[in-house]
Amino acid sequence: MDDFLREPDMRDLLNSDTILPQHTTPQQWECRRDDADLICLYDGQRVYTFRGQLDLAAQSCLEKTEDLPYAQFMPLKNKCAATVHRSSPGSIHFTLNDGRLNQTFTFRHASGSRWMAVPKARRGRAGEQPAEGQQGGQ
């Protein structure tokens, strides 16, 4: 069975201090990225950190790493607002408001430190889909 469709093992999350907060209403967070594969989401209290590439056309694998201290988050230059539509300890559904693509993703816990990033299907002009392998975010 595909890892994304499998229910995450909540024991992995409950033994971690880097789980995401529970939100059922939209929240405004901040996203910052480096030029490689670091993706940081800041909710005003903690910097949740992932490593991996975001793909607009297909799901991709991410690694959840230790939260960054705020002082290390601030110098990252690629930044945008993130509207978090909902989150729970094992998933987060958000839109990167970068002023260009405004792509929506769901990050879902798979196992251990492994998370899956699933882009929301988008339609381009005249119903076109993004090019295969097109990279998302900033």
N, C-alpha and C. Protein backbone atom coordinates (compact mmCIF):
# COMPACT_ATOMS: atom_id res chain seq x y z
N MET A 1 0.85 -1.19 0.00
CA MET A 1 0.00 0.00 0.00
C MET A 1 0.89 1.24 0.00
N ASP A 2 0.49 2.23 -0.74
CA ASP A 2 1.23 3.49 -0.82
C ASP A 2 1.35 4.11 0.57
N ASP A 3 2.58 4.56 0.94
CA ASP A 3 2.81 5.14 2.27
C ASP A 3 1.90 6.32 2.56
N PHE A 4 1.56 7.09 1.53
CA PHE A 4 0.73 8.27 1.77
C PHE A 4 -0.68 7.88 2.20
N LEU A 5 -1.18 6.79 1.66
CA LEU A 5 -2.54 6.37 1.98
C LEU A 5 -2.63 5.65 3.32
N ARG A 6 -1.50 5.10 3.77
CA ARG A 6 -1.47 4.39 5.05
C ARG A 6 -1.63 5.37 6.20
N GLU A 7 -2.41 4.99 7.19
CA GLU A 7 -2.54 5.83 8.38
C GLU A 7 -1.20 5.92 9.08
N PRO A 8 -0.78 7.11 9.50
CA PRO A 8 0.51 7.23 10.17
C PRO A 8 0.46 6.55 11.54
N ASP A 9 1.59 6.06 11.97
CA ASP A 9 1.70 5.47 13.29
C ASP A 9 1.86 6.60 14.29
N MET A 10 0.79 6.90 15.02
CA MET A 10 0.81 8.04 15.93
C MET A 10 1.81 7.86 17.06
N ARG A 11 2.24 6.62 17.32
CA ARG A 11 3.26 6.41 18.36
C ARG A 11 4.55 7.12 17.98
N ASP A 12 4.88 7.14 16.67
CA ASP A 12 6.07 7.86 16.21
C ASP A 12 5.97 9.33 16.58
N LEU A 13 4.79 9.90 16.42
CA LEU A 13 4.60 11.32 16.67
C LEU A 13 4.54 11.63 18.16
N LEU A 14 3.89 10.79 18.92
CA LEU A 14 3.74 11.05 20.34
C LEU A 14 5.06 11.00 21.09
N ASN A 15 6.05 10.31 20.53
CA ASN A 15 7.37 10.24 21.14
C ASN A 15 8.28 11.35 20.65
N SER A 16 7.73 12.30 19.92
CA SER A 16 8.52 13.37 19.33
C SER A 16 8.09 14.72 19.90
N ASP A 17 9.05 15.62 20.09
CA ASP A 17 8.69 16.97 20.54
C ASP A 17 8.58 17.93 19.37
N THR A 18 8.58 17.40 18.13
CA THR A 18 8.50 18.27 16.96
C THR A 18 7.19 18.09 16.21
N ILE A 19 6.16 17.55 16.87
CA ILE A 19 4.88 17.39 16.21
C ILE A 19 4.24 18.75 15.98
N LEU A 20 3.35 18.78 15.03
CA LEU A 20 2.68 20.03 14.67
C LEU A 20 1.49 20.30 15.59
N PRO A 21 1.11 21.56 15.74
CA PRO A 21 -0.05 21.89 16.58
C PRO A 21 -1.36 21.56 15.87
N GLN A 22 -2.42 21.46 16.63
CA GLN A 22 -3.75 21.19 16.11
C GLN A 22 -4.43 22.52 15.79
N HIS A 23 -4.86 22.72 14.52
CA HIS A 23 -5.62 23.90 14.11
C HIS A 23 -6.72 23.46 13.16
N THR A 24 -7.91 23.95 13.38
CA THR A 24 -9.02 23.63 12.48
C THR A 24 -9.51 24.87 11.73
N THR A 25 -8.96 26.02 12.06
CA THR A 25 -9.29 27.26 11.36
C THR A 25 -8.01 27.82 10.75
N PRO A 26 -8.12 28.61 9.68
CA PRO A 26 -6.92 29.14 9.02
C PRO A 26 -6.04 29.97 9.97
N GLN A 27 -4.74 29.79 9.80
CA GLN A 27 -3.72 30.50 10.58
C GLN A 27 -2.71 31.09 9.60
N GLN A 28 -2.13 32.22 9.96
CA GLN A 28 -1.07 32.80 9.13
C GLN A 28 0.29 32.45 9.74
N TRP A 29 1.09 31.73 9.00
CA TRP A 29 2.44 31.36 9.41
C TRP A 29 3.41 32.01 8.43
N GLU A 30 4.67 31.80 8.64
CA GLU A 30 5.70 32.28 7.73
C GLU A 30 6.52 31.09 7.26
N CYS A 31 6.86 31.10 5.98
CA CYS A 31 7.69 30.05 5.40
C CYS A 31 8.98 30.69 4.92
N ARG A 32 10.09 30.05 5.24
CA ARG A 32 11.39 30.47 4.72
C ARG A 32 12.12 29.23 4.24
N ARG A 33 12.89 29.43 3.16
CA ARG A 33 13.65 28.33 2.56
C ARG A 33 15.05 28.78 2.24
N ASP A 34 15.96 27.80 2.19
CA ASP A 34 17.31 28.13 1.73
C ASP A 34 17.38 27.79 0.24
N ASP A 35 18.56 27.90 -0.34
CA ASP A 35 18.70 27.64 -1.78
C ASP A 35 18.81 26.15 -2.09
N ALA A 36 18.88 25.32 -1.07
CA ALA A 36 19.01 23.87 -1.30
C ALA A 36 17.66 23.19 -1.05
N ASP A 37 17.52 22.57 0.10
CA ASP A 37 16.32 21.76 0.34
C ASP A 37 15.70 21.98 1.72
N LEU A 38 16.01 23.06 2.39
CA LEU A 38 15.49 23.34 3.72
C LEU A 38 14.16 24.10 3.61
N ILE A 39 13.12 23.59 4.26
CA ILE A 39 11.79 24.21 4.27
C ILE A 39 11.41 24.43 5.73
N CYS A 40 11.20 25.68 6.12
CA CYS A 40 10.88 26.01 7.51
C CYS A 40 9.53 26.71 7.58
N LEU A 41 8.70 26.26 8.50
CA LEU A 41 7.39 26.87 8.74
C LEU A 41 7.38 27.38 10.18
N TYR A 42 7.07 28.68 10.34
CA TYR A 42 7.09 29.33 11.66
C TYR A 42 5.69 29.76 12.03
N ASP A 43 5.21 29.28 13.18
CA ASP A 43 3.85 29.59 13.62
C ASP A 43 3.79 30.71 14.64
N GLY A 44 4.90 31.38 14.89
CA GLY A 44 4.96 32.43 15.89
C GLY A 44 5.58 31.96 17.19
N GLN A 45 5.71 30.64 17.33
CA GLN A 45 6.32 30.08 18.53
C GLN A 45 7.46 29.13 18.22
N ARG A 46 7.29 28.30 17.19
CA ARG A 46 8.31 27.30 16.84
C ARG A 46 8.57 27.33 15.34
N VAL A 47 9.77 26.90 14.99
CA VAL A 47 10.16 26.77 13.59
C VAL A 47 10.19 25.28 13.26
N TYR A 48 9.19 24.80 12.51
CA TYR A 48 9.10 23.40 12.11
C TYR A 48 9.91 23.24 10.83
N THR A 49 10.83 22.29 10.83
CA THR A 49 11.83 22.20 9.76
C THR A 49 11.75 20.86 9.03
N PHE A 50 11.77 20.95 7.70
CA PHE A 50 11.75 19.77 6.83
C PHE A 50 12.88 19.90 5.82
N ARG A 51 13.36 18.77 5.32
CA ARG A 51 14.35 18.75 4.23
C ARG A 51 13.79 17.94 3.08
N GLY A 52 13.92 18.50 1.87
CA GLY A 52 13.45 17.83 0.67
C GLY A 52 13.02 18.85 -0.37
N GLN A 53 12.71 18.37 -1.55
CA GLN A 53 12.27 19.23 -2.65
C GLN A 53 10.76 19.14 -2.80
N LEU A 54 10.13 20.29 -3.02
CA LEU A 54 8.70 20.31 -3.30
C LEU A 54 8.49 20.24 -4.80
N ASP A 55 7.62 19.37 -5.23
CA ASP A 55 7.31 19.17 -6.64
C ASP A 55 5.85 19.57 -6.86
N LEU A 56 5.59 20.36 -7.89
CA LEU A 56 4.21 20.81 -8.16
C LEU A 56 3.33 19.73 -8.78
N ALA A 57 3.95 18.71 -9.38
CA ALA A 57 3.17 17.74 -10.14
C ALA A 57 3.03 16.38 -9.46
N ALA A 58 3.86 16.09 -8.47
CA ALA A 58 3.82 14.76 -7.86
C ALA A 58 4.22 14.84 -6.40
N GLN A 59 3.81 13.84 -5.64
CA GLN A 59 4.20 13.82 -4.24
C GLN A 59 5.70 13.59 -4.12
N SER A 60 6.27 14.10 -3.05
CA SER A 60 7.70 13.94 -2.81
C SER A 60 7.92 13.60 -1.35
N CYS A 61 9.07 13.05 -1.07
CA CYS A 61 9.40 12.63 0.28
C CYS A 61 10.20 13.73 0.98
N LEU A 62 9.85 13.99 2.23
CA LEU A 62 10.55 14.97 3.04
C LEU A 62 11.05 14.29 4.30
N GLU A 63 12.07 14.88 4.90
CA GLU A 63 12.53 14.43 6.21
C GLU A 63 12.25 15.53 7.21
N LYS A 64 11.57 15.19 8.30
CA LYS A 64 11.33 16.14 9.39
C LYS A 64 12.60 16.16 10.23
N THR A 65 13.18 17.34 10.37
CA THR A 65 14.40 17.48 11.15
C THR A 65 14.10 18.27 12.42
N GLU A 66 15.10 18.42 13.26
CA GLU A 66 14.91 19.18 14.50
C GLU A 66 14.47 20.60 14.18
N ASP A 67 13.62 21.13 15.05
CA ASP A 67 13.20 22.52 14.90
C ASP A 67 14.41 23.42 14.95
N LEU A 68 14.41 24.44 14.10
CA LEU A 68 15.50 25.42 14.11
C LEU A 68 15.25 26.47 15.18
N PRO A 69 16.31 26.97 15.80
CA PRO A 69 16.13 28.14 16.65
C PRO A 69 15.72 29.33 15.77
N TYR A 70 14.92 30.21 16.32
CA TYR A 70 14.43 31.36 15.57
C TYR A 70 15.58 32.17 14.97
N ALA A 71 16.69 32.30 15.68
CA ALA A 71 17.84 33.07 15.18
C ALA A 71 18.40 32.48 13.89
N GLN A 72 18.30 31.18 13.69
CA GLN A 72 18.78 30.56 12.45
C GLN A 72 17.73 30.63 11.34
N PHE A 73 16.48 30.80 11.71
CA PHE A 73 15.38 30.92 10.75
C PHE A 73 15.39 32.28 10.07
N MET A 74 15.64 33.33 10.82
CA MET A 74 15.53 34.70 10.32
C MET A 74 16.43 35.01 9.12
N PRO A 75 17.69 34.54 9.06
CA PRO A 75 18.53 34.89 7.91
C PRO A 75 18.15 34.23 6.58
N LEU A 76 17.30 33.21 6.60
CA LEU A 76 16.92 32.55 5.35
C LEU A 76 16.19 33.57 4.46
N LYS A 77 16.66 33.69 3.23
CA LYS A 77 16.20 34.79 2.36
C LYS A 77 14.92 34.50 1.59
N ASN A 78 14.70 33.27 1.20
CA ASN A 78 13.50 32.94 0.42
C ASN A 78 12.33 32.81 1.36
N LYS A 79 11.49 33.85 1.43
CA LYS A 79 10.41 33.83 2.40
C LYS A 79 9.09 34.20 1.75
N CYS A 80 8.03 33.71 2.37
CA CYS A 80 6.67 34.06 1.95
C CYS A 80 5.73 33.74 3.10
N ALA A 81 4.53 34.24 2.99
CA ALA A 81 3.50 33.90 3.97
C ALA A 81 2.97 32.51 3.65
N ALA A 82 2.50 31.84 4.68
CA ALA A 82 1.88 30.53 4.50
C ALA A 82 0.54 30.55 5.22
N THR A 83 -0.52 30.30 4.47
CA THR A 83 -1.84 30.17 5.08
C THR A 83 -2.04 28.70 5.42
N VAL A 84 -2.05 28.41 6.70
CA VAL A 84 -2.26 27.04 7.16
C VAL A 84 -3.77 26.86 7.30
N HIS A 85 -4.34 26.04 6.44
CA HIS A 85 -5.79 25.83 6.43
C HIS A 85 -6.22 24.94 7.59
N ARG A 86 -5.40 23.94 7.88
CA ARG A 86 -5.63 23.07 9.03
C ARG A 86 -4.34 22.30 9.30
N SER A 87 -4.19 21.90 10.55
CA SER A 87 -3.02 21.09 10.90
C SER A 87 -3.39 20.19 12.07
N SER A 88 -2.63 19.13 12.20
CA SER A 88 -2.76 18.20 13.31
C SER A 88 -1.36 17.65 13.54
N PRO A 89 -1.15 16.88 14.58
CA PRO A 89 0.21 16.38 14.83
C PRO A 89 0.81 15.61 13.65
N GLY A 90 -0.04 14.98 12.82
CA GLY A 90 0.47 14.17 11.71
C GLY A 90 0.30 14.73 10.33
N SER A 91 -0.22 15.96 10.19
CA SER A 91 -0.36 16.54 8.85
C SER A 91 -0.56 18.05 8.94
N ILE A 92 -0.26 18.69 7.81
CA ILE A 92 -0.50 20.13 7.71
C ILE A 92 -0.89 20.42 6.26
N HIS A 93 -1.94 21.21 6.09
CA HIS A 93 -2.46 21.57 4.77
C HIS A 93 -2.33 23.09 4.67
N PHE A 94 -1.55 23.59 3.71
CA PHE A 94 -1.24 25.01 3.65
C PHE A 94 -1.01 25.48 2.23
N THR A 95 -1.12 26.81 2.05
CA THR A 95 -0.83 27.46 0.77
C THR A 95 0.35 28.39 0.97
N LEU A 96 1.34 28.28 0.09
CA LEU A 96 2.47 29.21 0.09
C LEU A 96 2.06 30.43 -0.71
N ASN A 97 1.92 31.56 -0.05
CA ASN A 97 1.48 32.80 -0.70
C ASN A 97 2.71 33.57 -1.19
N ASP A 98 3.27 33.09 -2.30
CA ASP A 98 4.51 33.69 -2.81
C ASP A 98 4.26 34.76 -3.88
N GLY A 99 3.00 35.01 -4.24
CA GLY A 99 2.69 36.03 -5.23
C GLY A 99 2.85 35.56 -6.67
N ARG A 100 3.29 34.32 -6.87
CA ARG A 100 3.46 33.78 -8.21
C ARG A 100 2.58 32.55 -8.41
N LEU A 101 2.94 31.48 -7.74
CA LEU A 101 2.24 30.21 -7.92
C LEU A 101 1.17 29.96 -6.87
N ASN A 102 1.39 30.46 -5.66
CA ASN A 102 0.46 30.24 -4.55
C ASN A 102 0.02 28.79 -4.46
N GLN A 103 1.00 27.90 -4.44
CA GLN A 103 0.77 26.46 -4.45
C GLN A 103 0.31 25.96 -3.08
N THR A 104 -0.61 25.02 -3.09
CA THR A 104 -1.12 24.39 -1.87
C THR A 104 -0.54 22.98 -1.75
N PHE A 105 -0.09 22.65 -0.54
CA PHE A 105 0.49 21.35 -0.24
C PHE A 105 -0.14 20.76 1.01
N THR A 106 -0.07 19.46 1.11
CA THR A 106 -0.33 18.75 2.35
C THR A 106 0.93 17.97 2.68
N PHE A 107 1.47 18.20 3.87
CA PHE A 107 2.57 17.39 4.38
C PHE A 107 1.92 16.39 5.32
N ARG A 108 2.20 15.11 5.10
CA ARG A 108 1.60 14.07 5.94
C ARG A 108 2.67 13.13 6.45
N HIS A 109 2.61 12.85 7.75
CA HIS A 109 3.58 11.95 8.37
C HIS A 109 3.43 10.55 7.79
N ALA A 110 4.57 9.92 7.43
CA ALA A 110 4.55 8.56 6.91
C ALA A 110 5.05 7.59 7.98
N SER A 111 6.28 7.79 8.44
CA SER A 111 6.84 6.96 9.52
C SER A 111 8.13 7.60 9.99
N GLY A 112 8.43 7.44 11.27
CA GLY A 112 9.66 8.01 11.81
C GLY A 112 9.77 9.48 11.48
N SER A 113 10.87 9.88 10.84
CA SER A 113 11.06 11.28 10.44
C SER A 113 10.64 11.52 8.99
N ARG A 114 10.04 10.52 8.36
CA ARG A 114 9.66 10.61 6.96
C ARG A 114 8.25 11.17 6.82
N TRP A 115 8.12 12.21 5.97
CA TRP A 115 6.84 12.85 5.68
C TRP A 115 6.68 12.88 4.16
N MET A 116 5.44 12.92 3.70
CA MET A 116 5.15 13.04 2.28
C MET A 116 4.57 14.43 2.01
N ALA A 117 5.06 15.08 0.96
CA ALA A 117 4.53 16.37 0.51
C ALA A 117 3.69 16.10 -0.72
N VAL A 118 2.41 16.43 -0.63
CA VAL A 118 1.48 16.18 -1.74
C VAL A 118 0.93 17.52 -2.22
N PRO A 119 1.22 17.89 -3.48
CA PRO A 119 0.69 19.15 -4.01
C PRO A 119 -0.78 19.01 -4.37
N LYS A 120 -1.52 20.09 -4.22
CA LYS A 120 -2.90 20.10 -4.68
C LYS A 120 -2.86 20.21 -6.20
N ALA A 121 -3.67 19.41 -6.86
CA ALA A 121 -3.73 19.46 -8.32
C ALA A 121 -4.20 20.84 -8.75
N ARG A 122 -3.50 21.39 -9.72
CA ARG A 122 -3.82 22.73 -10.21
C ARG A 122 -4.09 22.66 -11.70
N ARG A 123 -4.89 23.57 -12.14
CA ARG A 123 -5.12 23.70 -13.58
C ARG A 123 -4.51 25.01 -14.03
N GLY A 124 -3.73 24.93 -15.09
CA GLY A 124 -3.14 26.13 -15.67
C GLY A 124 -4.11 26.76 -16.65
N ARG A 125 -3.59 27.53 -17.54
CA ARG A 125 -4.43 28.13 -18.57
C ARG A 125 -5.03 27.05 -19.45
N ALA A 126 -6.28 27.19 -19.79
CA ALA A 126 -7.00 26.26 -20.67
C ALA A 126 -6.89 24.83 -20.17
N GLY A 127 -6.87 24.62 -18.84
CA GLY A 127 -6.88 23.29 -18.28
C GLY A 127 -5.55 22.57 -18.29
N GLU A 128 -4.44 23.26 -18.59
CA GLU A 128 -3.13 22.62 -18.61
C GLU A 128 -2.67 22.30 -17.21
N GLN A 129 -1.96 21.20 -17.06
CA GLN A 129 -1.32 20.84 -15.78
C GLN A 129 0.11 21.33 -15.80
N PRO A 130 0.74 21.59 -14.62
CA PRO A 130 2.13 22.00 -14.58
C PRO A 130 3.00 20.92 -15.23
N ALA A 131 4.13 21.34 -15.75
CA ALA A 131 5.06 20.40 -16.38
C ALA A 131 5.53 19.37 -15.37
N GLU A 132 5.72 18.13 -15.82
CA GLU A 132 6.17 17.05 -14.96
C GLU A 132 7.49 17.44 -14.29
N GLY A 133 7.55 17.27 -12.98
CA GLY A 133 8.77 17.53 -12.25
C GLY A 133 9.02 18.99 -11.94
N GLN A 134 8.09 19.89 -12.28
CA GLN A 134 8.29 21.31 -12.02
C GLN A 134 8.41 21.54 -10.53
N GLN A 135 9.41 22.29 -10.11
CA GLN A 135 9.66 22.51 -8.69
C GLN A 135 8.78 23.63 -8.17
N GLY A 136 8.28 23.45 -6.96
CA GLY A 136 7.36 24.42 -6.37
C GLY A 136 8.03 25.30 -5.35
N GLY A 137 7.24 26.20 -4.78
CA GLY A 137 7.73 27.10 -3.73
C GLY A 137 8.64 28.15 -4.32
N GLN A 138 9.59 28.59 -3.52
CA GLN A 138 10.49 29.65 -3.94
C GLN A 138 11.76 29.11 -4.50
